[in-house]
Amino acid sequence: MRLYSTIALAILLTFSSIVTAQVVLQWTFTGTHRGPLADIPATGKQVSVPRGIAIFRIEGGKMTQGQFAWDKYALLQQLGVLR
């Protein structure tokens, strides 16, 4: 996910209690493309990518694994890279 940090996203997740060892989140991210993304220079465009899913495994109160699925093509379309 570090590759996508140049899109200028602000994400903060706080869990007050965890009942099981697995947490599933559905999320949407929004942000402004202010820095390079791989070989795509900053466009200054606002982006919004809906319906991402993250699955985390929690052990000893810490995240030990994470899997993420989201529509990367929607992001690239909004940046004008794909049609």
C-alpha atoms as a PDB file:
ATOM      1  CA  MET A   1       0.000   0.000   0.000  1.00  0.00           C
ATOM      2  CA  ARG A   2       2.993   2.320   0.334  1.00  0.00           C
ATOM      3  CA  LEU A   3       2.903   2.786  -3.459  1.00  0.00           C
ATOM      4  CA  TYR A   4      -0.512   4.419  -3.118  1.00  0.00           C
ATOM      5  CA  SER A   5       0.478   6.772  -0.284  1.00  0.00           C
ATOM      6  CA  THR A   6       1.406   9.483  -2.796  1.00  0.00           C
ATOM      7  CA  ILE A   7      -2.280   9.844  -3.669  1.00  0.00           C
ATOM      8  CA  ALA A   8      -2.561  11.810  -0.408  1.00  0.00           C
ATOM      9  CA  LEU A   9      -4.999   9.636   1.477  1.00  0.00           C
ATOM     10  CA  ALA A  10      -5.684   9.961   5.159  1.00  0.00           C
ATOM     11  CA  ILE A  11      -6.678   6.649   6.718  1.00  0.00           C
ATOM     12  CA  LEU A  12      -7.043   5.966  10.419  1.00  0.00           C
ATOM     13  CA  LEU A  13      -8.609   2.795  11.758  1.00  0.00           C
ATOM     14  CA  THR A  14      -9.348   2.442  15.452  1.00  0.00           C
ATOM     15  CA  PHE A  15     -10.829  -0.719  16.944  1.00  0.00           C
ATOM     16  CA  SER A  16     -12.377  -0.431  20.373  1.00  0.00           C
ATOM     17  CA  SER A  17     -12.812  -4.170  20.726  1.00  0.00           C
ATOM     18  CA  ILE A  18     -12.105  -7.216  18.609  1.00  0.00           C
ATOM     19  CA  VAL A  19     -14.302 -10.246  19.155  1.00  0.00           C
ATOM     20  CA  THR A  20     -12.643 -12.680  16.754  1.00  0.00           C
ATOM     21  CA  ALA A  21      -9.178 -13.128  15.305  1.00  0.00           C
ATOM     22  CA  GLN A  22     -10.381 -11.912  11.898  1.00  0.00           C
ATOM     23  CA  VAL A  23     -11.693  -8.473  10.978  1.00  0.00           C
ATOM     24  CA  VAL A  24     -13.379  -7.700   7.651  1.00  0.00           C
ATOM     25  CA  LEU A  25     -13.825  -4.105   6.488  1.00  0.00           C
ATOM     26  CA  GLN A  26     -15.621  -2.683   3.487  1.00  0.00           C
ATOM     27  CA  TRP A  27     -14.335   0.773   2.629  1.00  0.00           C
ATOM     28  CA  THR A  28     -14.192   3.605   0.116  1.00  0.00           C
ATOM     29  CA  PHE A  29     -11.142   5.763  -0.272  1.00  0.00           C
ATOM     30  CA  THR A  30     -11.029   9.305  -1.536  1.00  0.00           C
ATOM     31  CA  GLY A  31      -8.113  11.610  -2.042  1.00  0.00           C
ATOM     32  CA  THR A  32      -6.148  13.880  -4.327  1.00  0.00           C
ATOM     33  CA  HIS A  33      -3.411  12.568  -6.602  1.00  0.00           C
ATOM     34  CA  ARG A  34      -0.614  14.898  -5.437  1.00  0.00           C
ATOM     35  CA  GLY A  35       2.475  12.768  -6.060  1.00  0.00           C
ATOM     36  CA  PRO A  36       3.734  10.142  -8.478  1.00  0.00           C
ATOM     37  CA  LEU A  37       1.986   6.782  -8.526  1.00  0.00           C
ATOM     38  CA  ALA A  38       4.456   4.305 -10.040  1.00  0.00           C
ATOM     39  CA  ASP A  39       5.266   6.039 -13.361  1.00  0.00           C
ATOM     40  CA  ILE A  40       2.143   8.260 -13.353  1.00  0.00           C
ATOM     41  CA  PRO A  41       3.028  11.869 -12.459  1.00  0.00           C
ATOM     42  CA  ALA A  42       0.751  13.819 -10.109  1.00  0.00           C
ATOM     43  CA  THR A  43      -2.455  14.942 -11.821  1.00  0.00           C
ATOM     44  CA  GLY A  44      -4.079  16.935  -9.019  1.00  0.00           C
ATOM     45  CA  LYS A  45      -7.315  15.022  -9.708  1.00  0.00           C
ATOM     46  CA  GLN A  46      -9.762  14.067  -6.974  1.00  0.00           C
ATOM     47  CA  VAL A  47     -10.411  10.322  -6.874  1.00  0.00           C
ATOM     48  CA  SER A  48     -12.928   8.102  -5.119  1.00  0.00           C
ATOM     49  CA  VAL A  49     -12.708   4.320  -5.257  1.00  0.00           C
ATOM     50  CA  PRO A  50     -15.669   2.482  -3.699  1.00  0.00           C
ATOM     51  CA  ARG A  51     -16.191  -1.013  -2.370  1.00  0.00           C
ATOM     52  CA  GLY A  52     -12.729  -2.015  -1.240  1.00  0.00           C
ATOM     53  CA  ILE A  53     -12.459  -4.971   1.109  1.00  0.00           C
ATOM     54  CA  ALA A  54      -9.774  -5.630   3.713  1.00  0.00           C
ATOM     55  CA  ILE A  55      -9.400  -8.794   5.778  1.00  0.00           C
ATOM     56  CA  PHE A  56      -7.080  -8.644   8.776  1.00  0.00           C
ATOM     57  CA  ARG A  57      -5.895 -11.385  11.119  1.00  0.00           C
ATOM     58  CA  ILE A  58      -5.386 -10.229  14.693  1.00  0.00           C
ATOM     59  CA  GLU A  59      -3.060 -12.066  17.087  1.00  0.00           C
ATOM     60  CA  GLY A  60      -2.003 -10.777  20.490  1.00  0.00           C
ATOM     61  CA  GLY A  61      -3.831  -7.510  19.855  1.00  0.00           C
ATOM     62  CA  LYS A  62      -1.803  -6.768  16.699  1.00  0.00           C
ATOM     63  CA  MET A  63      -2.506  -7.138  13.001  1.00  0.00           C
ATOM     64  CA  THR A  64      -0.387 -10.031  11.729  1.00  0.00           C
ATOM     65  CA  GLN A  65      -1.803 -10.434   8.211  1.00  0.00           C
ATOM     66  CA  GLY A  66      -3.776  -8.302   5.810  1.00  0.00           C
ATOM     67  CA  GLN A  67      -5.379  -8.914   2.441  1.00  0.00           C
ATOM     68  CA  PHE A  68      -6.843  -6.136   0.335  1.00  0.00           C
ATOM     69  CA  ALA A  69      -9.094  -6.188  -2.726  1.00  0.00           C
ATOM     70  CA  TRP A  70     -10.216  -3.055  -4.543  1.00  0.00           C
ATOM     71  CA  ASP A  71     -10.881  -1.726  -8.031  1.00  0.00           C
ATOM     72  CA  LYS A  72      -7.501  -0.454  -9.212  1.00  0.00           C
ATOM     73  CA  TYR A  73      -8.927   0.094 -12.682  1.00  0.00           C
ATOM     74  CA  ALA A  74     -11.442   2.619 -11.326  1.00  0.00           C
ATOM     75  CA  LEU A  75      -8.531   4.599  -9.880  1.00  0.00           C
ATOM     76  CA  LEU A  76      -6.596   4.499 -13.148  1.00  0.00           C
ATOM     77  CA  GLN A  77      -9.700   5.574 -15.102  1.00  0.00           C
ATOM     78  CA  GLN A  78     -10.211   8.547 -12.794  1.00  0.00           C
ATOM     79  CA  LEU A  79      -6.571   9.539 -13.242  1.00  0.00           C
ATOM     80  CA  GLY A  80      -7.064   9.455 -17.019  1.00  0.00           C
ATOM     81  CA  VAL A  81      -4.647   6.562 -17.592  1.00  0.00           C
ATOM     82  CA  LEU A  82      -7.330   4.097 -18.792  1.00  0.00           C
ATOM     83  CA  ARG A  83     -10.498   4.688 -20.745  1.00  0.00           C
END
